Amino acid sequence: VADVDLTNNIAFAVTKNRFTAGDYTNIAPISALVT
């Protein structure tokens, strides 16, 4: 996932080394830390 939070002025990106189709489970804990 890659995006920019225009309200809080932060760019956010998490990339994976291996393809796992439609699996965003690794994004949630990182997003929670940022939030």
Full PDB file with SEQRES, HELIX, SHEET, SSBOND, CRYST1, ORIGX, SCALE, CONECT and MASTER records, all heavy atoms in Angstrom:
SEQRES   1 A   35  VAL ALA ASP VAL ASP LEU THR ASN ASN ILE ALA PHE ALA          
SEQRES   2 A   35  VAL THR LYS ASN ARG PHE THR ALA GLY ASP TYR THR ASN          
SEQRES   3 A   35  ILE ALA PRO ILE SER ALA LEU VAL THR                          
HELIX    1 AA1 ILE A   27  VAL A   34  1                                   8    
SHEET    1 AA1 2 ALA A   2  ASP A   5  0                                        
SHEET    2 AA1 2 ILE A  10  ALA A  13 -1                                        
CRYST1    1.000    1.000    1.000  90.00  90.00  90.00 P 1           1          
ORIGX1      1.000000  0.000000  0.000000        0.00000                         
ORIGX2      0.000000  1.000000  0.000000        0.00000                         
ORIGX3      0.000000  0.000000  1.000000        0.00000                         
SCALE1      1.000000  0.000000  0.000000        0.00000                         
SCALE2      0.000000  1.000000  0.000000        0.00000                         
SCALE3      0.000000  0.000000  1.000000        0.00000                         
ATOM      1  N   VAL A   1       0.851  -1.190   0.000  1.00  0.00           N  
ATOM      2  CA  VAL A   1       0.000   0.000   0.000  1.00  0.00           C  
ATOM      3  C   VAL A   1       0.882   1.233   0.000  1.00  0.00           C  
ATOM      4  O   VAL A   1       1.916   1.266   0.664  1.00  0.00           O  
ATOM      5  CB  VAL A   1      -0.910   0.033   1.254  1.00  0.00           C  
ATOM      6  CG1 VAL A   1      -1.621   1.368   1.383  1.00  0.00           C  
ATOM      7  CG2 VAL A   1      -1.924  -1.088   1.219  1.00  0.00           C  
ATOM      8  N   ALA A   2       0.476   2.239  -0.755  1.00  0.00           N  
ATOM      9  CA  ALA A   2       1.145   3.544  -0.723  1.00  0.00           C  
ATOM     10  C   ALA A   2       0.065   4.614  -0.820  1.00  0.00           C  
ATOM     11  O   ALA A   2      -0.869   4.498  -1.613  1.00  0.00           O  
ATOM     12  CB  ALA A   2       2.129   3.676  -1.877  1.00  0.00           C  
ATOM     13  N   ASP A   3       0.190   5.648   0.023  1.00  0.00           N  
ATOM     14  CA  ASP A   3      -0.801   6.718   0.000  1.00  0.00           C  
ATOM     15  C   ASP A   3      -0.255   7.952   0.687  1.00  0.00           C  
ATOM     16  O   ASP A   3       0.864   7.943   1.201  1.00  0.00           O  
ATOM     17  CB  ASP A   3      -2.116   6.271   0.650  1.00  0.00           C  
ATOM     18  CG  ASP A   3      -1.988   5.833   2.108  1.00  0.00           C  
ATOM     19  OD1 ASP A   3      -1.323   6.538   2.904  1.00  0.00           O  
ATOM     20  OD2 ASP A   3      -2.579   4.805   2.474  1.00  0.00           O  
ATOM     21  N   VAL A   4      -1.044   9.000   0.667  1.00  0.00           N  
ATOM     22  CA  VAL A   4      -0.716  10.207   1.421  1.00  0.00           C  
ATOM     23  C   VAL A   4      -1.954  10.624   2.192  1.00  0.00           C  
ATOM     24  O   VAL A   4      -3.057  10.653   1.662  1.00  0.00           O  
ATOM     25  CB  VAL A   4      -0.181  11.350   0.523  1.00  0.00           C  
ATOM     26  CG1 VAL A   4      -1.205  11.803  -0.502  1.00  0.00           C  
ATOM     27  CG2 VAL A   4       0.321  12.515   1.365  1.00  0.00           C  
ATOM     28  N   ASP A   5      -1.749  10.891   3.471  1.00  0.00           N  
ATOM     29  CA  ASP A   5      -2.802  11.385   4.351  1.00  0.00           C  
ATOM     30  C   ASP A   5      -2.706  12.904   4.298  1.00  0.00           C  
ATOM     31  O   ASP A   5      -1.813  13.507   4.893  1.00  0.00           O  
ATOM     32  CB  ASP A   5      -2.561  10.847   5.760  1.00  0.00           C  
ATOM     33  CG  ASP A   5      -3.553  11.343   6.794  1.00  0.00           C  
ATOM     34  OD1 ASP A   5      -4.209  12.381   6.554  1.00  0.00           O  
ATOM     35  OD2 ASP A   5      -3.651  10.701   7.854  1.00  0.00           O  
ATOM     36  N   LEU A   6      -3.597  13.515   3.550  1.00  0.00           N  
ATOM     37  CA  LEU A   6      -3.553  14.962   3.334  1.00  0.00           C  
ATOM     38  C   LEU A   6      -3.984  15.743   4.566  1.00  0.00           C  
ATOM     39  O   LEU A   6      -3.620  16.905   4.726  1.00  0.00           O  
ATOM     40  CB  LEU A   6      -4.417  15.335   2.129  1.00  0.00           C  
ATOM     41  CG  LEU A   6      -3.968  14.726   0.801  1.00  0.00           C  
ATOM     42  CD1 LEU A   6      -5.014  14.960  -0.273  1.00  0.00           C  
ATOM     43  CD2 LEU A   6      -2.620  15.282   0.386  1.00  0.00           C  
ATOM     44  N   THR A   7      -4.755  15.124   5.441  1.00  0.00           N  
ATOM     45  CA  THR A   7      -5.205  15.793   6.660  1.00  0.00           C  
ATOM     46  C   THR A   7      -4.071  15.898   7.680  1.00  0.00           C  
ATOM     47  O   THR A   7      -3.876  16.928   8.306  1.00  0.00           O  
ATOM     48  CB  THR A   7      -6.400  15.039   7.278  1.00  0.00           C  
ATOM     49  OG1 THR A   7      -7.425  14.926   6.292  1.00  0.00           O  
ATOM     50  CG2 THR A   7      -6.935  15.754   8.501  1.00  0.00           C  
ATOM     51  N   ASN A   8      -3.324  14.817   7.842  1.00  0.00           N  
ATOM     52  CA  ASN A   8      -2.251  14.769   8.833  1.00  0.00           C  
ATOM     53  C   ASN A   8      -0.863  14.998   8.238  1.00  0.00           C  
ATOM     54  O   ASN A   8       0.136  14.908   8.948  1.00  0.00           O  
ATOM     55  CB  ASN A   8      -2.293  13.433   9.588  1.00  0.00           C  
ATOM     56  CG  ASN A   8      -3.554  13.294  10.401  1.00  0.00           C  
ATOM     57  OD1 ASN A   8      -3.813  14.089  11.287  1.00  0.00           O  
ATOM     58  ND2 ASN A   8      -4.374  12.300  10.082  1.00  0.00           N  
ATOM     59  N   ASN A   9      -0.819  15.261   6.926  1.00  0.00           N  
ATOM     60  CA  ASN A   9       0.443  15.553   6.235  1.00  0.00           C  
ATOM     61  C   ASN A   9       1.507  14.475   6.414  1.00  0.00           C  
ATOM     62  O   ASN A   9       2.622  14.742   6.878  1.00  0.00           O  
ATOM     63  CB  ASN A   9       1.001  16.912   6.679  1.00  0.00           C  
ATOM     64  CG  ASN A   9       0.122  18.045   6.237  1.00  0.00           C  
ATOM     65  OD1 ASN A   9      -0.383  18.049   5.116  1.00  0.00           O  
ATOM     66  ND2 ASN A   9      -0.087  19.010   7.110  1.00  0.00           N  
ATOM     67  N   ILE A  10       1.135  13.246   6.034  1.00  0.00           N  
ATOM     68  CA  ILE A  10       2.107  12.164   6.109  1.00  0.00           C  
ATOM     69  C   ILE A  10       1.936  11.220   4.922  1.00  0.00           C  
ATOM     70  O   ILE A  10       0.831  10.837   4.564  1.00  0.00           O  
ATOM     71  CB  ILE A  10       1.999  11.386   7.445  1.00  0.00           C  
ATOM     72  CG1 ILE A  10       3.136  10.376   7.553  1.00  0.00           C  
ATOM     73  CG2 ILE A  10       0.656  10.722   7.601  1.00  0.00           C  
ATOM     74  CD1 ILE A  10       3.369   9.856   8.947  1.00  0.00           C  
ATOM     75  N   ALA A  11       3.052  10.906   4.291  1.00  0.00           N  
ATOM     76  CA  ALA A  11       3.051   9.899   3.231  1.00  0.00           C  
ATOM     77  C   ALA A  11       3.280   8.545   3.895  1.00  0.00           C  
ATOM     78  O   ALA A  11       4.066   8.423   4.836  1.00  0.00           O  
ATOM     79  CB  ALA A  11       4.152  10.198   2.223  1.00  0.00           C  
ATOM     80  N   PHE A  12       2.585   7.534   3.406  1.00  0.00           N  
ATOM     81  CA  PHE A  12       2.604   6.204   4.024  1.00  0.00           C  
ATOM     82  C   PHE A  12       2.830   5.177   2.928  1.00  0.00           C  
ATOM     83  O   PHE A  12       2.180   5.224   1.879  1.00  0.00           O  
ATOM     84  CB  PHE A  12       1.247   5.955   4.701  1.00  0.00           C  
ATOM     85  CG  PHE A  12       1.085   4.589   5.301  1.00  0.00           C  
ATOM     86  CD1 PHE A  12       1.505   4.345   6.594  1.00  0.00           C  
ATOM     87  CD2 PHE A  12       0.499   3.559   4.592  1.00  0.00           C  
ATOM     88  CE1 PHE A  12       1.347   3.095   7.170  1.00  0.00           C  
ATOM     89  CE2 PHE A  12       0.337   2.309   5.148  1.00  0.00           C  
ATOM     90  CZ  PHE A  12       0.764   2.071   6.453  1.00  0.00           C  
ATOM     91  N   ALA A  13       3.765   4.266   3.157  1.00  0.00           N  
ATOM     92  CA  ALA A  13       3.977   3.188   2.190  1.00  0.00           C  
ATOM     93  C   ALA A  13       4.534   1.958   2.896  1.00  0.00           C  
ATOM     94  O   ALA A  13       5.413   2.072   3.749  1.00  0.00           O  
ATOM     95  CB  ALA A  13       4.931   3.622   1.089  1.00  0.00           C  
ATOM     96  N   VAL A  14       3.991   0.826   2.541  1.00  0.00           N  
ATOM     97  CA  VAL A  14       4.501  -0.458   3.003  1.00  0.00           C  
ATOM     98  C   VAL A  14       4.574  -1.337   1.766  1.00  0.00           C  
ATOM     99  O   VAL A  14       3.570  -1.528   1.076  1.00  0.00           O  
ATOM    100  CB  VAL A  14       3.582  -1.114   4.060  1.00  0.00           C  
ATOM    101  CG1 VAL A  14       4.109  -2.490   4.451  1.00  0.00           C  
ATOM    102  CG2 VAL A  14       3.448  -0.221   5.280  1.00  0.00           C  
ATOM    103  N   THR A  15       5.752  -1.826   1.475  1.00  0.00           N  
ATOM    104  CA  THR A  15       5.909  -2.744   0.350  1.00  0.00           C  
ATOM    105  C   THR A  15       6.335  -4.103   0.889  1.00  0.00           C  
ATOM    106  O   THR A  15       6.881  -4.212   1.985  1.00  0.00           O  
ATOM    107  CB  THR A  15       6.949  -2.234  -0.665  1.00  0.00           C  
ATOM    108  OG1 THR A  15       8.206  -2.050  -0.007  1.00  0.00           O  
ATOM    109  CG2 THR A  15       6.504  -0.927  -1.286  1.00  0.00           C  
ATOM    110  N   LYS A  16       6.045  -5.116   0.114  1.00  0.00           N  
ATOM    111  CA  LYS A  16       6.355  -6.474   0.534  1.00  0.00           C  
ATOM    112  C   LYS A  16       7.403  -7.074  -0.397  1.00  0.00           C  
ATOM    113  O   LYS A  16       7.474  -6.721  -1.573  1.00  0.00           O  
ATOM    114  CB  LYS A  16       5.076  -7.310   0.499  1.00  0.00           C  
ATOM    115  CG  LYS A  16       4.043  -6.805   1.510  1.00  0.00           C  
ATOM    116  CD  LYS A  16       2.689  -7.412   1.320  1.00  0.00           C  
ATOM    117  CE  LYS A  16       2.688  -8.876   1.588  1.00  0.00           C  
ATOM    118  NZ  LYS A  16       1.346  -9.453   1.513  1.00  0.00           N  
ATOM    119  N   ASN A  17       8.196  -7.963   0.151  1.00  0.00           N  
ATOM    120  CA  ASN A  17       9.198  -8.647  -0.654  1.00  0.00           C  
ATOM    121  C   ASN A  17       8.607  -9.766  -1.490  1.00  0.00           C  
ATOM    122  O   ASN A  17       9.181 -10.152  -2.491  1.00  0.00           O  
ATOM    123  CB  ASN A  17      10.301  -9.230   0.242  1.00  0.00           C  
ATOM    124  CG  ASN A  17      11.121  -8.151   0.877  1.00  0.00           C  
ATOM    125  OD1 ASN A  17      11.247  -7.058   0.355  1.00  0.00           O  
ATOM    126  ND2 ASN A  17      11.678  -8.450   2.038  1.00  0.00           N  
ATOM    127  N   ARG A  18       7.488 -10.276  -1.071  1.00  0.00           N  
ATOM    128  CA  ARG A  18       6.843 -11.375  -1.780  1.00  0.00           C  
ATOM    129  C   ARG A  18       5.376 -11.083  -2.001  1.00  0.00           C  
ATOM    130  O   ARG A  18       4.684 -10.581  -1.128  1.00  0.00           O  
ATOM    131  CB  ARG A  18       6.995 -12.696  -1.016  1.00  0.00           C  
ATOM    132  CG  ARG A  18       8.420 -13.186  -0.946  1.00  0.00           C  
ATOM    133  CD  ARG A  18       8.882 -13.587  -2.322  1.00  0.00           C  
ATOM    134  NE  ARG A  18      10.274 -13.996  -2.327  1.00  0.00           N  
ATOM    135  CZ  ARG A  18      11.017 -13.992  -3.403  1.00  0.00           C  
ATOM    136  NH1 ARG A  18      10.533 -13.614  -4.561  1.00  0.00           N  
ATOM    137  NH2 ARG A  18      12.253 -14.374  -3.350  1.00  0.00           N  
ATOM    138  N   PHE A  19       4.902 -11.431  -3.168  1.00  0.00           N  
ATOM    139  CA  PHE A  19       3.511 -11.249  -3.570  1.00  0.00           C  
ATOM    140  C   PHE A  19       2.620 -12.188  -2.781  1.00  0.00           C  
ATOM    141  O   PHE A  19       2.857 -13.391  -2.722  1.00  0.00           O  
ATOM    142  CB  PHE A  19       3.417 -11.566  -5.069  1.00  0.00           C  
ATOM    143  CG  PHE A  19       2.051 -11.388  -5.669  1.00  0.00           C  
ATOM    144  CD1 PHE A  19       1.700 -10.188  -6.250  1.00  0.00           C  
ATOM    145  CD2 PHE A  19       1.137 -12.429  -5.686  1.00  0.00           C  
ATOM    146  CE1 PHE A  19       0.455 -10.014  -6.837  1.00  0.00           C  
ATOM    147  CE2 PHE A  19      -0.110 -12.275  -6.268  1.00  0.00           C  
ATOM    148  CZ  PHE A  19      -0.445 -11.057  -6.842  1.00  0.00           C  
ATOM    149  N   THR A  20       1.597 -11.646  -2.156  1.00  0.00           N  
ATOM    150  CA  THR A  20       0.537 -12.438  -1.539  1.00  0.00           C  
ATOM    151  C   THR A  20      -0.767 -11.744  -1.916  1.00  0.00           C  
ATOM    152  O   THR A  20      -1.078 -10.682  -1.395  1.00  0.00           O  
ATOM    153  CB  THR A  20       0.679 -12.541  -0.008  1.00  0.00           C  
ATOM    154  OG1 THR A  20       0.804 -11.236   0.545  1.00  0.00           O  
ATOM    155  CG2 THR A  20       1.884 -13.374   0.390  1.00  0.00           C  
ATOM    156  N   ALA A  21      -1.466 -12.310  -2.852  1.00  0.00           N  
ATOM    157  CA  ALA A  21      -2.620 -11.658  -3.481  1.00  0.00           C  
ATOM    158  C   ALA A  21      -3.662 -11.179  -2.482  1.00  0.00           C  
ATOM    159  O   ALA A  21      -4.215 -11.964  -1.719  1.00  0.00           O  
ATOM    160  CB  ALA A  21      -3.265 -12.611  -4.487  1.00  0.00           C  
ATOM    161  N   GLY A  22      -3.900  -9.853  -2.495  1.00  0.00           N  
ATOM    162  CA  GLY A  22      -4.956  -9.249  -1.700  1.00  0.00           C  
ATOM    163  C   GLY A  22      -4.781  -9.345  -0.196  1.00  0.00           C  
ATOM    164  O   GLY A  22      -5.723  -9.109   0.547  1.00  0.00           O  
ATOM    165  N   ASP A  23      -3.599  -9.670   0.276  1.00  0.00           N  
ATOM    166  CA  ASP A  23      -3.354  -9.839   1.709  1.00  0.00           C  
ATOM    167  C   ASP A  23      -2.764  -8.551   2.281  1.00  0.00           C  
ATOM    168  O   ASP A  23      -1.604  -8.237   2.069  1.00  0.00           O  
ATOM    169  CB  ASP A  23      -2.392 -11.008   1.936  1.00  0.00           C  
ATOM    170  CG  ASP A  23      -2.010 -11.181   3.390  1.00  0.00           C  
ATOM    171  OD1 ASP A  23      -2.665 -10.585   4.269  1.00  0.00           O  
ATOM    172  OD2 ASP A  23      -1.049 -11.924   3.650  1.00  0.00           O  
ATOM    173  N   TYR A  24      -3.605  -7.807   3.014  1.00  0.00           N  
ATOM    174  CA  TYR A  24      -3.164  -6.543   3.613  1.00  0.00           C  
ATOM    175  C   TYR A  24      -2.979  -6.667   5.118  1.00  0.00           C  
ATOM    176  O   TYR A  24      -2.914  -5.667   5.821  1.00  0.00           O  
ATOM    177  CB  TYR A  24      -4.181  -5.433   3.294  1.00  0.00           C  
ATOM    178  CG  TYR A  24      -4.350  -5.239   1.811  1.00  0.00           C  
ATOM    179  CD1 TYR A  24      -5.467  -5.719   1.151  1.00  0.00           C  
ATOM    180  CD2 TYR A  24      -3.362  -4.604   1.067  1.00  0.00           C  
ATOM    181  CE1 TYR A  24      -5.603  -5.560  -0.216  1.00  0.00           C  
ATOM    182  CE2 TYR A  24      -3.488  -4.447  -0.290  1.00  0.00           C  
ATOM    183  CZ  TYR A  24      -4.613  -4.926  -0.923  1.00  0.00           C  
ATOM    184  OH  TYR A  24      -4.739  -4.778  -2.281  1.00  0.00           O  
ATOM    185  N   THR A  25      -2.869  -7.891   5.637  1.00  0.00           N  
ATOM    186  CA  THR A  25      -2.752  -8.069   7.086  1.00  0.00           C  
ATOM    187  C   THR A  25      -1.493  -7.427   7.651  1.00  0.00           C  
ATOM    188  O   THR A  25      -1.488  -6.992   8.801  1.00  0.00           O  
ATOM    189  CB  THR A  25      -2.794  -9.562   7.472  1.00  0.00           C  
ATOM    190  OG1 THR A  25      -1.778 -10.263   6.738  1.00  0.00           O  
ATOM    191  CG2 THR A  25      -4.150 -10.162   7.182  1.00  0.00           C  
ATOM    192  N   ASN A  26      -0.427  -7.358   6.862  1.00  0.00           N  
ATOM    193  CA  ASN A  26       0.786  -6.711   7.369  1.00  0.00           C  
ATOM    194  C   ASN A  26       0.656  -5.191   7.408  1.00  0.00           C  
ATOM    195  O   ASN A  26       1.400  -4.517   8.104  1.00  0.00           O  
ATOM    196  CB  ASN A  26       2.005  -7.122   6.546  1.00  0.00           C  
ATOM    197  CG  ASN A  26       1.939  -6.622   5.121  1.00  0.00           C  
ATOM    198  OD1 ASN A  26       0.861  -6.506   4.540  1.00  0.00           O  
ATOM    199  ND2 ASN A  26       3.069  -6.322   4.536  1.00  0.00           N  
ATOM    200  N   ILE A  27      -0.303  -4.636   6.693  1.00  0.00           N  
ATOM    201  CA  ILE A  27      -0.498  -3.187   6.649  1.00  0.00           C  
ATOM    202  C   ILE A  27      -1.160  -2.695   7.932  1.00  0.00           C  
ATOM    203  O   ILE A  27      -0.806  -1.641   8.464  1.00  0.00           O  
ATOM    204  CB  ILE A  27      -1.361  -2.789   5.433  1.00  0.00           C  
ATOM    205  CG1 ILE A  27      -0.774  -3.334   4.129  1.00  0.00           C  
ATOM    206  CG2 ILE A  27      -1.568  -1.280   5.365  1.00  0.00           C  
ATOM    207  CD1 ILE A  27       0.618  -2.908   3.807  1.00  0.00           C  
ATOM    208  N   ALA A  28      -2.124  -3.431   8.446  1.00  0.00           N  
ATOM    209  CA  ALA A  28      -2.915  -2.977   9.597  1.00  0.00           C  
ATOM    210  C   ALA A  28      -2.068  -2.613  10.818  1.00  0.00           C  
ATOM    211  O   ALA A  28      -2.250  -1.534  11.381  1.00  0.00           O  
ATOM    212  CB  ALA A  28      -3.975  -4.013   9.946  1.00  0.00           C  
ATOM    213  N   PRO A  29      -1.130  -3.463  11.276  1.00  0.00           N  
ATOM    214  CA  PRO A  29      -0.380  -3.077  12.472  1.00  0.00           C  
ATOM    215  C   PRO A  29       0.528  -1.865  12.237  1.00  0.00           C  
ATOM    216  O   PRO A  29       0.717  -1.040  13.137  1.00  0.00           O  
ATOM    217  CB  PRO A  29       0.430  -4.319  12.834  1.00  0.00           C  
ATOM    218  CG  PRO A  29       0.364  -5.219  11.666  1.00  0.00           C  
ATOM    219  CD  PRO A  29      -0.831  -4.826  10.855  1.00  0.00           C  
ATOM    220  N   ILE A  30       1.060  -1.732  11.044  1.00  0.00           N  
ATOM    221  CA  ILE A  30       1.918  -0.582  10.738  1.00  0.00           C  
ATOM    222  C   ILE A  30       1.078   0.682  10.661  1.00  0.00           C  
ATOM    223  O   ILE A  30       1.444   1.728  11.198  1.00  0.00           O  
ATOM    224  CB  ILE A  30       2.713  -0.832   9.440  1.00  0.00           C  
ATOM    225  CG1 ILE A  30       3.619  -2.047   9.624  1.00  0.00           C  
ATOM    226  CG2 ILE A  30       3.520   0.405   9.053  1.00  0.00           C  
ATOM    227  CD1 ILE A  30       4.224  -2.582   8.348  1.00  0.00           C  
ATOM    228  N   SER A  31      -0.076   0.595  10.008  1.00  0.00           N  
ATOM    229  CA  SER A  31      -0.988   1.731   9.951  1.00  0.00           C  
ATOM    230  C   SER A  31      -1.427   2.146  11.350  1.00  0.00           C  
ATOM    231  O   SER A  31      -1.523   3.333  11.659  1.00  0.00           O  
ATOM    232  CB  SER A  31      -2.203   1.382   9.090  1.00  0.00           C  
ATOM    233  OG  SER A  31      -3.133   2.441   9.079  1.00  0.00           O  
ATOM    234  N   ALA A  32      -1.678   1.163  12.225  1.00  0.00           N  
ATOM    235  CA  ALA A  32      -2.092   1.463  13.600  1.00  0.00           C  
ATOM    236  C   ALA A  32      -1.005   2.228  14.344  1.00  0.00           C  
ATOM    237  O   ALA A  32      -1.296   3.178  15.082  1.00  0.00           O  
ATOM    238  CB  ALA A  32      -2.436   0.174  14.340  1.00  0.00           C  
ATOM    239  N   LEU A  33       0.247   1.856  14.144  1.00  0.00           N  
ATOM    240  CA  LEU A  33       1.358   2.572  14.795  1.00  0.00           C  
ATOM    241  C   LEU A  33       1.439   4.013  14.301  1.00  0.00           C  
ATOM    242  O   LEU A  33       1.621   4.938  15.090  1.00  0.00           O  
ATOM    243  CB  LEU A  33       2.684   1.853  14.531  1.00  0.00           C  
ATOM    244  CG  LEU A  33       2.908   0.554  15.282  1.00  0.00           C  
ATOM    245  CD1 LEU A  33       4.169  -0.132  14.766  1.00  0.00           C  
ATOM    246  CD2 LEU A  33       3.000   0.799  16.767  1.00  0.00           C  
ATOM    247  N   VAL A  34       1.296   4.184  13.008  1.00  0.00           N  
ATOM    248  CA  VAL A  34       1.344   5.545  12.433  1.00  0.00           C  
ATOM    249  C   VAL A  34       0.173   6.370  12.952  1.00  0.00           C  
ATOM    250  O   VAL A  34       0.338   7.504  13.384  1.00  0.00           O  
ATOM    251  CB  VAL A  34       1.362   5.492  10.894  1.00  0.00           C  
ATOM    252  CG1 VAL A  34       1.211   6.877  10.286  1.00  0.00           C  
ATOM    253  CG2 VAL A  34       2.651   4.834  10.408  1.00  0.00           C  
ATOM    254  N   THR A  35      -1.026   5.796  12.930  1.00  0.00           N  
ATOM    255  CA  THR A  35      -2.212   6.499  13.404  1.00  0.00           C  
ATOM    256  C   THR A  35      -2.080   6.884  14.873  1.00  0.00           C  
ATOM    257  O   THR A  35      -2.386   8.005  15.267  1.00  0.00           O  
ATOM    258  CB  THR A  35      -3.476   5.631  13.186  1.00  0.00           C  
ATOM    259  OG1 THR A  35      -3.595   5.343  11.793  1.00  0.00           O  
ATOM    260  CG2 THR A  35      -4.719   6.339  13.663  1.00  0.00           C  
TER     261      THR A  35                                                      
MASTER        0    0    0    1    2    0    0    6  260    1    0    3          
END                                                                             
